[in-house]
Amino acid sequence: MDYKEEDYLMLSGIQHFAFCRRQWALIHIEQQWQENERTVEGELLHERAHDTWATEKRSDVIISRGLPVQSRTMGISGSCDIVEFHRAEEGVPLYGHRGLFRVYPIEYKRGKPKDIPIDMLQLTAQAMCLEEMLSAEITEGAIYYGEIRHREKVLFTEDLRTQVRKYFQEMHQLFDKQYTPKVKWSKSCNACSLKDICMPKLGKIPSVKEYVREKIMEEETP
């Protein structure tokens, strides 16, 4: 099934969703957001990475920054920080350029590689959009991490692709219902920019009575 353009979700939301479904819903359904040091640094890094629709050529490589992408089958739209088009014997044609090109998407992140694959899922989603738009086969890309100043290669495996499709299906279902999942506290909550809005520790309190008792004890403690 193809989605209508007015029903498209933000591609970048898959990173929020994979990290925490509630965080995604607070941002994309309830339209709540709160900046912290990490989000500001991330925005600055992305601003340096691309200027919408800007392109440059270096030898046999064409570099596109801020390239808009979308997928009708997944119902998403967004942009790629950088897409490199490498001249190759097997590839896709590009309008205004001779020959064929291999497509290589690159995502920029402020920190360092994570223990969970949320960055890889976002990049895989970008690659799947490019494949649909260009009728191309894209096997790999890279994530540039600002903290280590290094590219990490990502192979677009079938497992990653399956997870991307699954997550976007779930996201559409929640968005259609306008449903925000209940809080589930974890150690990851401490680094979340929405911690003060979400108030995850309330989810650890089994009852209002116990919550009030805890607050009273805190006030009585010298």
N, C-alpha and C. Protein backbone atom coordinates (compact mmCIF):
# COMPACT_ATOMS: atom_id res chain seq x y z
N MET A 1 0.83 -1.19 0.00
CA MET A 1 0.00 0.00 0.00
C MET A 1 0.88 1.25 0.00
N ASP A 2 0.49 2.25 -0.78
CA ASP A 2 1.19 3.52 -0.82
C ASP A 2 0.46 4.54 0.05
N TYR A 3 1.21 5.33 0.78
CA TYR A 3 0.63 6.36 1.64
C TYR A 3 0.42 7.65 0.85
N LYS A 4 -0.56 8.43 1.25
CA LYS A 4 -0.75 9.76 0.69
C LYS A 4 0.28 10.70 1.30
N GLU A 5 0.69 11.70 0.54
CA GLU A 5 1.74 12.59 1.00
C GLU A 5 1.38 13.30 2.30
N GLU A 6 0.09 13.62 2.48
CA GLU A 6 -0.32 14.32 3.70
C GLU A 6 -0.22 13.42 4.95
N ASP A 7 -0.03 12.11 4.72
CA ASP A 7 0.09 11.18 5.85
C ASP A 7 1.54 10.78 6.13
N TYR A 8 2.48 11.39 5.43
CA TYR A 8 3.89 11.05 5.63
C TYR A 8 4.33 11.43 7.05
N LEU A 9 5.17 10.59 7.62
CA LEU A 9 5.82 10.87 8.90
C LEU A 9 7.25 11.32 8.64
N MET A 10 7.85 11.95 9.65
CA MET A 10 9.24 12.38 9.52
C MET A 10 10.17 11.18 9.58
N LEU A 11 11.03 11.06 8.58
CA LEU A 11 11.99 9.95 8.54
C LEU A 11 12.86 9.93 9.80
N SER A 12 13.31 11.09 10.22
CA SER A 12 14.22 11.16 11.37
C SER A 12 13.57 10.66 12.66
N GLY A 13 12.24 10.56 12.67
CA GLY A 13 11.55 10.10 13.86
C GLY A 13 11.86 8.66 14.23
N ILE A 14 12.39 7.89 13.28
CA ILE A 14 12.68 6.48 13.60
C ILE A 14 13.76 6.39 14.68
N GLN A 15 14.65 7.37 14.73
CA GLN A 15 15.68 7.35 15.77
C GLN A 15 15.05 7.56 17.14
N HIS A 16 14.10 8.50 17.24
CA HIS A 16 13.39 8.71 18.50
C HIS A 16 12.58 7.47 18.88
N PHE A 17 11.91 6.88 17.89
CA PHE A 17 11.03 5.74 18.15
C PHE A 17 11.83 4.54 18.63
N ALA A 18 12.98 4.29 17.99
CA ALA A 18 13.80 3.14 18.37
C ALA A 18 14.41 3.34 19.76
N PHE A 19 14.66 4.59 20.12
CA PHE A 19 15.20 4.90 21.45
C PHE A 19 14.12 4.77 22.51
N CYS A 20 12.93 5.34 22.24
CA CYS A 20 11.83 5.32 23.20
C CYS A 20 10.55 5.71 22.48
N ARG A 21 9.58 4.82 22.45
CA ARG A 21 8.31 5.09 21.78
C ARG A 21 7.60 6.30 22.38
N ARG A 22 7.70 6.45 23.69
CA ARG A 22 7.06 7.60 24.35
C ARG A 22 7.73 8.90 23.93
N GLN A 23 9.06 8.91 23.85
CA GLN A 23 9.76 10.11 23.40
C GLN A 23 9.28 10.51 22.01
N TRP A 24 9.20 9.52 21.12
CA TRP A 24 8.74 9.80 19.75
C TRP A 24 7.34 10.41 19.77
N ALA A 25 6.44 9.84 20.54
CA ALA A 25 5.07 10.33 20.58
C ALA A 25 4.98 11.74 21.16
N LEU A 26 5.76 12.02 22.20
CA LEU A 26 5.76 13.36 22.78
C LEU A 26 6.20 14.40 21.76
N ILE A 27 7.18 14.05 20.93
CA ILE A 27 7.70 14.98 19.93
C ILE A 27 6.79 15.07 18.72
N HIS A 28 6.41 13.91 18.16
CA HIS A 28 5.76 13.89 16.85
C HIS A 28 4.23 13.88 16.92
N ILE A 29 3.66 13.48 18.04
CA ILE A 29 2.21 13.51 18.20
C ILE A 29 1.79 14.71 19.04
N GLU A 30 2.42 14.88 20.20
CA GLU A 30 2.05 15.98 21.10
C GLU A 30 2.79 17.27 20.80
N GLN A 31 3.77 17.22 19.89
CA GLN A 31 4.52 18.41 19.47
C GLN A 31 5.24 19.08 20.64
N GLN A 32 5.82 18.26 21.53
CA GLN A 32 6.59 18.79 22.64
C GLN A 32 8.07 18.58 22.37
N TRP A 33 8.86 19.57 22.77
CA TRP A 33 10.30 19.48 22.54
C TRP A 33 11.01 20.33 23.58
N GLN A 34 12.20 19.92 23.94
CA GLN A 34 13.00 20.68 24.91
C GLN A 34 14.46 20.52 24.54
N GLU A 35 15.13 21.64 24.35
CA GLU A 35 16.53 21.61 23.96
C GLU A 35 17.42 21.28 25.16
N ASN A 36 18.48 20.54 24.90
CA ASN A 36 19.55 20.41 25.88
C ASN A 36 20.87 20.53 25.14
N GLU A 37 21.96 20.37 25.83
CA GLU A 37 23.28 20.55 25.21
C GLU A 37 23.48 19.62 24.03
N ARG A 38 23.01 18.37 24.16
CA ARG A 38 23.20 17.40 23.09
C ARG A 38 22.42 17.78 21.83
N THR A 39 21.16 18.21 21.99
CA THR A 39 20.35 18.53 20.82
C THR A 39 20.89 19.77 20.11
N VAL A 40 21.35 20.76 20.87
CA VAL A 40 21.89 21.98 20.27
C VAL A 40 23.16 21.66 19.48
N GLU A 41 24.06 20.87 20.08
CA GLU A 41 25.30 20.50 19.39
C GLU A 41 24.98 19.70 18.13
N GLY A 42 23.97 18.82 18.20
CA GLY A 42 23.59 18.03 17.05
C GLY A 42 23.07 18.89 15.91
N GLU A 43 22.26 19.91 16.25
CA GLU A 43 21.73 20.82 15.23
C GLU A 43 22.85 21.60 14.55
N LEU A 44 23.83 22.07 15.34
CA LEU A 44 24.95 22.82 14.77
C LEU A 44 25.77 21.95 13.82
N LEU A 45 25.97 20.69 14.19
CA LEU A 45 26.72 19.77 13.34
C LEU A 45 25.99 19.54 12.03
N HIS A 46 24.65 19.39 12.09
CA HIS A 46 23.88 19.18 10.87
C HIS A 46 23.88 20.43 9.98
N GLU A 47 23.87 21.62 10.60
CA GLU A 47 23.92 22.84 9.81
C GLU A 47 25.23 22.92 9.04
N ARG A 48 26.31 22.48 9.68
CA ARG A 48 27.60 22.48 8.98
C ARG A 48 27.65 21.41 7.89
N ALA A 49 26.87 20.35 8.07
CA ALA A 49 26.93 19.22 7.14
C ALA A 49 26.26 19.53 5.82
N HIS A 50 25.17 20.31 5.88
CA HIS A 50 24.48 20.53 4.60
C HIS A 50 23.81 21.88 4.47
N ASP A 51 23.74 22.29 3.22
CA ASP A 51 22.98 23.46 2.80
C ASP A 51 22.03 22.94 1.74
N THR A 52 20.71 23.02 2.00
CA THR A 52 19.71 22.30 1.21
C THR A 52 19.97 22.38 -0.29
N TRP A 53 20.02 21.20 -0.89
CA TRP A 53 20.16 21.01 -2.32
C TRP A 53 21.50 21.50 -2.87
N ALA A 54 22.47 21.73 -2.02
CA ALA A 54 23.79 22.15 -2.49
C ALA A 54 24.54 20.93 -3.01
N THR A 55 25.23 21.08 -4.11
CA THR A 55 26.02 19.98 -4.67
C THR A 55 27.41 20.49 -5.04
N GLU A 56 28.35 19.59 -5.04
CA GLU A 56 29.70 19.89 -5.50
C GLU A 56 30.29 18.64 -6.13
N LYS A 57 31.31 18.81 -6.94
CA LYS A 57 31.93 17.68 -7.62
C LYS A 57 33.41 17.64 -7.28
N ARG A 58 33.86 16.45 -6.91
CA ARG A 58 35.27 16.22 -6.63
C ARG A 58 35.72 15.01 -7.43
N SER A 59 36.46 15.24 -8.48
CA SER A 59 36.92 14.16 -9.35
C SER A 59 35.74 13.36 -9.86
N ASP A 60 35.66 12.07 -9.50
CA ASP A 60 34.56 11.22 -9.97
C ASP A 60 33.46 11.06 -8.92
N VAL A 61 33.39 12.00 -7.98
CA VAL A 61 32.37 11.93 -6.93
C VAL A 61 31.55 13.22 -6.93
N ILE A 62 30.24 13.07 -6.98
CA ILE A 62 29.32 14.20 -6.84
C ILE A 62 28.75 14.15 -5.42
N ILE A 63 28.83 15.27 -4.71
CA ILE A 63 28.39 15.33 -3.31
C ILE A 63 27.15 16.21 -3.22
N SER A 64 26.06 15.63 -2.72
CA SER A 64 24.81 16.36 -2.54
C SER A 64 24.54 16.52 -1.05
N ARG A 65 24.25 17.74 -0.62
CA ARG A 65 24.00 18.02 0.79
C ARG A 65 22.54 18.41 1.00
N GLY A 66 21.93 17.85 2.04
CA GLY A 66 20.54 18.17 2.34
C GLY A 66 19.56 17.68 1.29
N LEU A 67 19.82 16.52 0.71
CA LEU A 67 18.98 16.00 -0.37
C LEU A 67 17.64 15.51 0.18
N PRO A 68 16.51 16.07 -0.28
CA PRO A 68 15.20 15.61 0.19
C PRO A 68 14.91 14.19 -0.33
N VAL A 69 14.35 13.36 0.53
CA VAL A 69 14.00 11.99 0.15
C VAL A 69 12.62 11.65 0.70
N GLN A 70 12.00 10.63 0.11
CA GLN A 70 10.70 10.18 0.59
C GLN A 70 10.46 8.75 0.14
N SER A 71 9.49 8.12 0.77
CA SER A 71 9.07 6.77 0.39
C SER A 71 7.56 6.68 0.47
N ARG A 72 6.94 6.36 -0.64
CA ARG A 72 5.49 6.19 -0.65
C ARG A 72 5.08 4.91 0.07
N THR A 73 5.91 3.88 -0.07
CA THR A 73 5.54 2.59 0.52
C THR A 73 5.65 2.61 2.05
N MET A 74 6.57 3.41 2.59
CA MET A 74 6.71 3.50 4.05
C MET A 74 6.01 4.74 4.62
N GLY A 75 5.62 5.67 3.74
CA GLY A 75 4.92 6.85 4.20
C GLY A 75 5.79 7.78 5.01
N ILE A 76 6.98 8.11 4.49
CA ILE A 76 7.92 8.95 5.23
C ILE A 76 8.58 9.95 4.29
N SER A 77 9.10 11.03 4.86
CA SER A 77 9.89 11.99 4.10
C SER A 77 10.92 12.61 5.03
N GLY A 78 11.97 13.14 4.43
CA GLY A 78 13.03 13.75 5.23
C GLY A 78 14.15 14.22 4.31
N SER A 79 15.35 14.25 4.84
CA SER A 79 16.49 14.64 4.02
C SER A 79 17.74 13.90 4.49
N CYS A 80 18.67 13.77 3.58
CA CYS A 80 19.96 13.14 3.89
C CYS A 80 20.99 14.23 4.12
N ASP A 81 21.79 14.07 5.15
CA ASP A 81 22.85 15.04 5.39
C ASP A 81 23.75 15.16 4.16
N ILE A 82 24.27 14.02 3.73
CA ILE A 82 25.13 13.97 2.55
C ILE A 82 24.85 12.69 1.77
N VAL A 83 24.80 12.81 0.46
CA VAL A 83 24.77 11.63 -0.41
C VAL A 83 25.89 11.79 -1.42
N GLU A 84 26.79 10.81 -1.43
CA GLU A 84 27.87 10.80 -2.41
C GLU A 84 27.47 9.91 -3.58
N PHE A 85 27.68 10.40 -4.78
CA PHE A 85 27.43 9.62 -5.99
C PHE A 85 28.79 9.33 -6.64
N HIS A 86 29.23 8.10 -6.53
CA HIS A 86 30.54 7.69 -7.04
C HIS A 86 30.38 7.12 -8.45
N ARG A 87 31.15 7.66 -9.40
CA ARG A 87 31.10 7.12 -10.75
C ARG A 87 31.52 5.66 -10.73
N ALA A 88 30.72 4.80 -11.38
CA ALA A 88 30.99 3.37 -11.35
C ALA A 88 30.46 2.72 -12.63
N GLU A 89 30.98 1.54 -12.93
CA GLU A 89 30.53 0.82 -14.12
C GLU A 89 29.09 0.34 -13.95
N GLU A 90 28.73 -0.02 -12.73
CA GLU A 90 27.37 -0.42 -12.44
C GLU A 90 26.76 0.56 -11.45
N GLY A 91 25.67 1.18 -11.82
CA GLY A 91 25.06 2.17 -10.96
C GLY A 91 23.80 2.73 -11.59
N VAL A 92 23.46 3.96 -11.23
CA VAL A 92 22.26 4.60 -11.75
C VAL A 92 22.65 5.87 -12.49
N PRO A 93 21.86 6.27 -13.48
CA PRO A 93 22.14 7.53 -14.18
C PRO A 93 21.69 8.72 -13.35
N LEU A 94 22.38 9.84 -13.50
CA LEU A 94 22.01 11.08 -12.84
C LEU A 94 21.74 12.15 -13.90
N TYR A 95 20.65 12.86 -13.72
CA TYR A 95 20.28 13.89 -14.69
C TYR A 95 21.39 14.95 -14.80
N GLY A 96 21.81 15.22 -16.01
CA GLY A 96 22.82 16.24 -16.25
C GLY A 96 24.25 15.75 -16.14
N HIS A 97 24.42 14.44 -15.89
CA HIS A 97 25.77 13.89 -15.75
C HIS A 97 25.91 12.64 -16.61
N ARG A 98 27.07 12.48 -17.19
CA ARG A 98 27.33 11.30 -18.02
C ARG A 98 27.75 10.12 -17.15
N GLY A 99 27.43 8.93 -17.63
CA GLY A 99 27.85 7.73 -16.94
C GLY A 99 26.88 7.29 -15.86
N LEU A 100 27.33 6.29 -15.08
CA LEU A 100 26.52 5.72 -14.01
C LEU A 100 27.20 5.98 -12.67
N PHE A 101 26.38 5.97 -11.60
CA PHE A 101 26.91 6.33 -10.29
C PHE A 101 26.39 5.39 -9.20
N ARG A 102 27.27 5.07 -8.26
CA ARG A 102 26.91 4.30 -7.07
C ARG A 102 26.51 5.27 -5.96
N VAL A 103 25.40 4.98 -5.30
CA VAL A 103 24.83 5.90 -4.31
C VAL A 103 25.32 5.53 -2.91
N TYR A 104 25.82 6.54 -2.17
CA TYR A 104 26.42 6.29 -0.86
C TYR A 104 25.95 7.37 0.13
N PRO A 105 24.92 7.08 0.95
CA PRO A 105 24.43 8.07 1.92
C PRO A 105 25.30 8.14 3.17
N ILE A 106 25.41 9.36 3.73
CA ILE A 106 26.20 9.58 4.94
C ILE A 106 25.39 10.43 5.92
N GLU A 107 25.30 9.97 7.15
CA GLU A 107 24.59 10.71 8.20
C GLU A 107 25.62 11.27 9.18
N TYR A 108 25.38 12.48 9.67
CA TYR A 108 26.27 13.13 10.64
C TYR A 108 25.64 13.08 12.03
N LYS A 109 26.42 12.66 13.04
CA LYS A 109 25.98 12.63 14.42
C LYS A 109 27.02 13.30 15.30
N ARG A 110 26.55 13.95 16.38
CA ARG A 110 27.45 14.73 17.23
C ARG A 110 28.35 13.88 18.11
N GLY A 111 27.86 12.73 18.57
CA GLY A 111 28.58 11.97 19.59
C GLY A 111 29.49 10.90 19.03
N LYS A 112 29.35 9.71 19.59
CA LYS A 112 30.17 8.58 19.19
C LYS A 112 29.25 7.38 18.93
N PRO A 113 29.75 6.30 18.34
CA PRO A 113 28.90 5.13 18.06
C PRO A 113 28.18 4.64 19.31
N LYS A 114 26.93 4.24 19.14
CA LYS A 114 26.08 3.84 20.25
C LYS A 114 25.99 2.32 20.37
N ASP A 115 25.56 1.88 21.56
CA ASP A 115 25.40 0.44 21.79
C ASP A 115 24.14 -0.11 21.14
N ILE A 116 23.19 0.79 20.82
CA ILE A 116 21.95 0.38 20.16
C ILE A 116 21.94 0.94 18.74
N PRO A 117 21.27 0.27 17.80
CA PRO A 117 21.41 0.62 16.38
C PRO A 117 20.51 1.74 15.89
N ILE A 118 20.18 2.73 16.73
CA ILE A 118 19.22 3.76 16.31
C ILE A 118 19.76 4.61 15.16
N ASP A 119 21.05 4.91 15.15
CA ASP A 119 21.63 5.69 14.05
C ASP A 119 21.64 4.88 12.75
N MET A 120 21.94 3.60 12.87
CA MET A 120 21.97 2.74 11.69
C MET A 120 20.58 2.59 11.08
N LEU A 121 19.55 2.55 11.91
CA LEU A 121 18.18 2.45 11.41
C LEU A 121 17.80 3.70 10.62
N GLN A 122 18.20 4.88 11.13
CA GLN A 122 17.90 6.11 10.42
C GLN A 122 18.59 6.15 9.06
N LEU A 123 19.87 5.76 9.02
CA LEU A 123 20.60 5.75 7.76
C LEU A 123 20.02 4.71 6.80
N THR A 124 19.63 3.56 7.33
CA THR A 124 19.03 2.52 6.49
C THR A 124 17.73 3.03 5.87
N ALA A 125 16.93 3.75 6.65
CA ALA A 125 15.68 4.33 6.13
C ALA A 125 15.97 5.31 5.00
N GLN A 126 17.02 6.11 5.14
CA GLN A 126 17.41 7.03 4.07
C GLN A 126 17.78 6.26 2.81
N ALA A 127 18.55 5.19 2.98
CA ALA A 127 18.97 4.38 1.84
C ALA A 127 17.77 3.75 1.14
N MET A 128 16.80 3.29 1.91
CA MET A 128 15.60 2.67 1.33
C MET A 128 14.78 3.69 0.55
N CYS A 129 14.74 4.92 1.03
CA CYS A 129 14.07 5.98 0.28
C CYS A 129 14.78 6.25 -1.04
N LEU A 130 16.10 6.34 -0.97
CA LEU A 130 16.89 6.59 -2.19
C LEU A 130 16.72 5.45 -3.19
N GLU A 131 16.68 4.23 -2.70
CA GLU A 131 16.47 3.08 -3.59
C GLU A 131 15.14 3.19 -4.32
N GLU A 132 14.11 3.57 -3.58
CA GLU A 132 12.78 3.70 -4.17
C GLU A 132 12.72 4.84 -5.18
N MET A 133 13.37 5.95 -4.87
CA MET A 133 13.33 7.12 -5.74
C MET A 133 14.18 6.96 -6.99
N LEU A 134 15.33 6.28 -6.86
CA LEU A 134 16.30 6.20 -7.97
C LEU A 134 16.31 4.85 -8.67
N SER A 135 15.46 3.91 -8.18
CA SER A 135 15.47 2.54 -8.70
C SER A 135 16.89 1.98 -8.62
N ALA A 136 17.49 2.17 -7.46
CA ALA A 136 18.88 1.77 -7.25
C ALA A 136 18.97 0.67 -6.20
N GLU A 137 20.12 0.04 -6.15
CA GLU A 137 20.44 -0.90 -5.08
C GLU A 137 21.59 -0.31 -4.27
N ILE A 138 21.34 -0.07 -2.98
CA ILE A 138 22.35 0.55 -2.13
C ILE A 138 22.69 -0.43 -1.02
N THR A 139 23.93 -0.84 -0.98
CA THR A 139 24.33 -1.89 -0.04
C THR A 139 24.97 -1.35 1.24
N GLU A 140 25.51 -0.13 1.17
CA GLU A 140 26.17 0.41 2.34
C GLU A 140 26.21 1.92 2.34
N GLY A 141 26.47 2.48 3.52
CA GLY A 141 26.64 3.91 3.69
C GLY A 141 27.55 4.13 4.89
N ALA A 142 27.50 5.33 5.48
CA ALA A 142 28.37 5.61 6.62
C ALA A 142 27.74 6.63 7.54
N ILE A 143 28.16 6.58 8.81
CA ILE A 143 27.78 7.57 9.80
C ILE A 143 29.05 8.26 10.28
N TYR A 144 29.06 9.59 10.18
CA TYR A 144 30.20 10.36 10.66
C TYR A 144 29.89 10.85 12.08
N TYR A 145 30.73 10.47 13.03
CA TYR A 145 30.54 10.87 14.42
C TYR A 145 31.48 12.01 14.78
N GLY A 146 30.89 13.13 15.23
CA GLY A 146 31.67 14.33 15.52
C GLY A 146 32.65 14.17 16.65
N GLU A 147 32.30 13.34 17.64
CA GLU A 147 33.18 13.20 18.80
C GLU A 147 34.47 12.47 18.45
N ILE A 148 34.39 11.47 17.57
CA ILE A 148 35.59 10.72 17.20
C ILE A 148 36.14 11.16 15.84
N ARG A 149 35.36 12.02 15.14
CA ARG A 149 35.76 12.54 13.83
C ARG A 149 36.14 11.41 12.87
N HIS A 150 35.23 10.49 12.76
CA HIS A 150 35.51 9.31 11.95
C HIS A 150 34.21 8.76 11.37
N ARG A 151 34.31 8.22 10.16
CA ARG A 151 33.16 7.55 9.53
C ARG A 151 33.10 6.08 9.95
N GLU A 152 31.89 5.64 10.29
CA GLU A 152 31.66 4.24 10.58
C GLU A 152 30.81 3.65 9.45
N LYS A 153 31.32 2.62 8.79
CA LYS A 153 30.59 2.01 7.68
C LYS A 153 29.38 1.24 8.19
N VAL A 154 28.27 1.34 7.46
CA VAL A 154 27.04 0.61 7.81
C VAL A 154 26.61 -0.22 6.61
N LEU A 155 26.44 -1.51 6.82
CA LEU A 155 25.91 -2.40 5.78
C LEU A 155 24.40 -2.49 5.95
N PHE A 156 23.67 -2.28 4.88
CA PHE A 156 22.21 -2.29 4.95
C PHE A 156 21.69 -3.72 4.83
N THR A 157 21.73 -4.42 5.94
CA THR A 157 21.33 -5.82 5.97
C THR A 157 19.82 -5.97 5.90
N GLU A 158 19.36 -7.18 5.63
CA GLU A 158 17.92 -7.44 5.58
C GLU A 158 17.30 -7.28 6.95
N ASP A 159 18.06 -7.58 8.01
CA ASP A 159 17.55 -7.39 9.37
C ASP A 159 17.26 -5.92 9.64
N LEU A 160 18.18 -5.04 9.25
CA LEU A 160 17.96 -3.61 9.44
C LEU A 160 16.77 -3.12 8.62
N ARG A 161 16.66 -3.58 7.40
CA ARG A 161 15.56 -3.17 6.53
C ARG A 161 14.21 -3.63 7.10
N THR A 162 14.17 -4.86 7.60
CA THR A 162 12.93 -5.39 8.18
C THR A 162 12.53 -4.58 9.40
N GLN A 163 13.51 -4.23 10.23
CA GLN A 163 13.23 -3.45 11.43
C GLN A 163 12.72 -2.06 11.07
N VAL A 164 13.29 -1.45 10.05
CA VAL A 164 12.84 -0.13 9.60
C VAL A 164 11.37 -0.19 9.18
N ARG A 165 11.02 -1.16 8.36
CA ARG A 165 9.62 -1.28 7.91
C ARG A 165 8.69 -1.50 9.10
N LYS A 166 9.09 -2.36 10.03
CA LYS A 166 8.28 -2.67 11.20
C LYS A 166 8.04 -1.43 12.04
N TYR A 167 9.10 -0.67 12.29
CA TYR A 167 8.98 0.53 13.12
C TYR A 167 8.05 1.56 12.48
N PHE A 168 8.20 1.78 11.18
CA PHE A 168 7.35 2.79 10.54
C PHE A 168 5.88 2.35 10.51
N GLN A 169 5.62 1.07 10.39
CA GLN A 169 4.25 0.58 10.48
C GLN A 169 3.66 0.88 11.86
N GLU A 170 4.45 0.62 12.91
CA GLU A 170 4.00 0.90 14.28
C GLU A 170 3.79 2.40 14.48
N MET A 171 4.69 3.21 13.93
CA MET A 171 4.59 4.66 14.07
C MET A 171 3.32 5.19 13.42
N HIS A 172 2.99 4.69 12.26
CA HIS A 172 1.76 5.11 11.59
C HIS A 172 0.54 4.71 12.41
N GLN A 173 0.56 3.53 12.98
CA GLN A 173 -0.57 3.07 13.80
C GLN A 173 -0.77 3.96 15.02
N LEU A 174 0.32 4.28 15.72
CA LEU A 174 0.22 5.15 16.89
C LEU A 174 -0.20 6.56 16.49
N PHE A 175 0.33 7.05 15.38
CA PHE A 175 0.00 8.41 14.95
C PHE A 175 -1.47 8.50 14.56
N ASP A 176 -1.97 7.49 13.88
CA ASP A 176 -3.38 7.49 13.48
C ASP A 176 -4.30 7.50 14.70
N LYS A 177 -3.88 6.80 15.75
CA LYS A 177 -4.67 6.73 16.99
C LYS A 177 -4.41 7.94 17.89
N GLN A 178 -3.36 8.73 17.57
CA GLN A 178 -2.93 9.84 18.42
C GLN A 178 -2.68 9.34 19.84
N TYR A 179 -1.96 8.23 19.93
CA TYR A 179 -1.73 7.57 21.21
C TYR A 179 -0.29 7.75 21.66
N THR A 180 -0.11 8.21 22.89
CA THR A 180 1.22 8.33 23.49
C THR A 180 1.43 7.18 24.47
N PRO A 181 2.39 6.31 24.24
CA PRO A 181 2.64 5.18 25.15
C PRO A 181 2.93 5.65 26.57
N LYS A 182 2.61 4.80 27.52
CA LYS A 182 2.86 5.11 28.92
C LYS A 182 4.36 5.07 29.20
N VAL A 183 4.74 5.74 30.27
CA VAL A 183 6.15 5.85 30.61
C VAL A 183 6.69 4.52 31.13
N LYS A 184 7.92 4.21 30.72
CA LYS A 184 8.67 3.06 31.24
C LYS A 184 10.08 3.55 31.53
N TRP A 185 10.38 3.70 32.83
CA TRP A 185 11.67 4.27 33.20
C TRP A 185 12.81 3.31 32.90
N SER A 186 13.94 3.88 32.43
CA SER A 186 15.17 3.12 32.24
C SER A 186 16.33 4.09 32.44
N LYS A 187 17.55 3.58 32.49
CA LYS A 187 18.72 4.43 32.67
C LYS A 187 18.87 5.43 31.53
N SER A 188 18.35 5.09 30.35
CA SER A 188 18.45 5.99 29.20
C SER A 188 17.68 7.28 29.42
N CYS A 189 16.71 7.26 30.33
CA CYS A 189 15.89 8.45 30.60
C CYS A 189 16.74 9.63 31.07
N ASN A 190 17.85 9.35 31.73
CA ASN A 190 18.68 10.42 32.29
C ASN A 190 19.28 11.31 31.20
N ALA A 191 19.48 10.76 30.00
CA ALA A 191 20.09 11.53 28.92
C ALA A 191 19.05 12.11 27.97
N CYS A 192 17.78 11.87 28.24
CA CYS A 192 16.71 12.30 27.33
C CYS A 192 16.42 13.78 27.48
N SER A 193 16.28 14.49 26.37
CA SER A 193 16.00 15.93 26.41
C SER A 193 14.59 16.22 26.91
N LEU A 194 13.71 15.20 26.92
CA LEU A 194 12.33 15.40 27.37
C LEU A 194 12.10 14.89 28.79
N LYS A 195 13.16 14.68 29.54
CA LYS A 195 13.04 14.09 30.87
C LYS A 195 12.09 14.91 31.76
N ASP A 196 12.22 16.24 31.72
CA ASP A 196 11.40 17.08 32.59
C ASP A 196 9.94 17.12 32.15
N ILE A 197 9.69 16.89 30.87
CA ILE A 197 8.32 16.85 30.37
C ILE A 197 7.70 15.48 30.61
N CYS A 198 8.47 14.44 30.35
CA CYS A 198 7.98 13.07 30.47
C CYS A 198 7.81 12.64 31.92
N MET A 199 8.72 13.11 32.79
CA MET A 199 8.75 12.73 34.20
C MET A 199 8.74 11.21 34.36
N PRO A 200 9.76 10.54 33.83
CA PRO A 200 9.76 9.07 33.79
C PRO A 200 9.74 8.39 35.15
N LYS A 201 10.29 9.05 36.17
CA LYS A 201 10.34 8.40 37.47
C LYS A 201 8.97 8.23 38.10
N LEU A 202 7.98 8.99 37.62
CA LEU A 202 6.62 8.79 38.11
C LEU A 202 6.12 7.40 37.75
N GLY A 203 6.65 6.85 36.65
CA GLY A 203 6.24 5.52 36.24
C GLY A 203 6.72 4.44 37.18
N LYS A 204 7.71 4.76 38.03
CA LYS A 204 8.22 3.78 38.98
C LYS A 204 7.39 3.74 40.26
N ILE A 205 6.52 4.76 40.47
CA ILE A 205 5.69 4.82 41.66
C ILE A 205 4.42 4.02 41.44
N PRO A 206 4.15 2.96 42.23
CA PRO A 206 3.01 2.09 42.00
C PRO A 206 1.66 2.73 42.30
N SER A 207 1.63 3.83 43.11
CA SER A 207 0.35 4.44 43.43
C SER A 207 0.55 5.90 43.80
N VAL A 208 -0.54 6.69 43.73
CA VAL A 208 -0.48 8.10 44.12
C VAL A 208 -0.16 8.21 45.60
N LYS A 209 -0.76 7.31 46.40
CA LYS A 209 -0.54 7.32 47.85
C LYS A 209 0.94 7.17 48.19
N GLU A 210 1.60 6.24 47.50
CA GLU A 210 3.02 6.02 47.77
C GLU A 210 3.85 7.19 47.28
N TYR A 211 3.44 7.80 46.17
CA TYR A 211 4.15 8.97 45.65
C TYR A 211 4.10 10.13 46.65
N VAL A 212 2.90 10.39 47.21
CA VAL A 212 2.74 11.45 48.20
C VAL A 212 3.57 11.16 49.44
N ARG A 213 3.55 9.89 49.89
CA ARG A 213 4.32 9.51 51.06
C ARG A 213 5.81 9.76 50.82
N GLU A 214 6.29 9.44 49.63
CA GLU A 214 7.70 9.64 49.31
C GLU A 214 8.05 11.11 49.35
N LYS A 215 7.19 11.96 48.82
CA LYS A 215 7.46 13.40 48.81
C LYS A 215 7.48 13.97 50.23
N ILE A 216 6.57 13.50 51.07
CA ILE A 216 6.53 13.97 52.45
C ILE A 216 7.81 13.59 53.18
N MET A 217 8.27 12.36 52.94
CA MET A 217 9.51 11.90 53.57
C MET A 217 10.71 12.74 53.11
N GLU A 218 10.71 13.13 51.83
CA GLU A 218 11.80 13.96 51.32
C GLU A 218 11.82 15.32 52.01
N GLU A 219 10.63 15.89 52.27
CA GLU A 219 10.54 17.19 52.92
C GLU A 219 10.94 17.12 54.39
N GLU A 220 10.64 16.00 55.03
CA GLU A 220 10.95 15.85 56.46
C GLU A 220 12.41 15.49 56.71
N THR A 221 13.08 15.00 55.68
CA THR A 221 14.48 14.63 55.85
C THR A 221 15.35 15.88 55.92
N PRO A 222 16.12 16.07 56.99
CA PRO A 222 16.94 17.27 57.15
C PRO A 222 18.10 17.30 56.14
